[in-house]
Amino acid sequence: MSSSAVLAVHSEDFSRIISGEAPLDNEMIDRMYAQFLSDFQGDVKTLPSSHYKRGEMTKSRREIYADNLRSIIKHNSDPTQTYKKGIN
């Protein structure tokens, strides 16, 4: 599957959340983050570098993802914005 097709699948599955039409909770963030890792970074087991313990890196990266996701939702929920943000 091409990266553009993967992006479309990821965006389509969670489009109501990204647009601000559906609620976002920690369980949904976990599901979206797991899907993001699967779609864009391959096998989760290969992610940690030698500078991070697996759990520490995964947690900090997940928090960055969650913060960015909340920012995207806030932007997309604002009717004064002239464009929509997404995950890429």
Foldseek 3Di string as FASTA:
>chain_A
DDLVVLQVVLCVVCVCVLLLNDDDDPVNLVVSVVSCCVNPPNDLVPPDDPVDDSVVVVVVVSVVSVVVSVVQNVQSPDPVDPDHDGDD
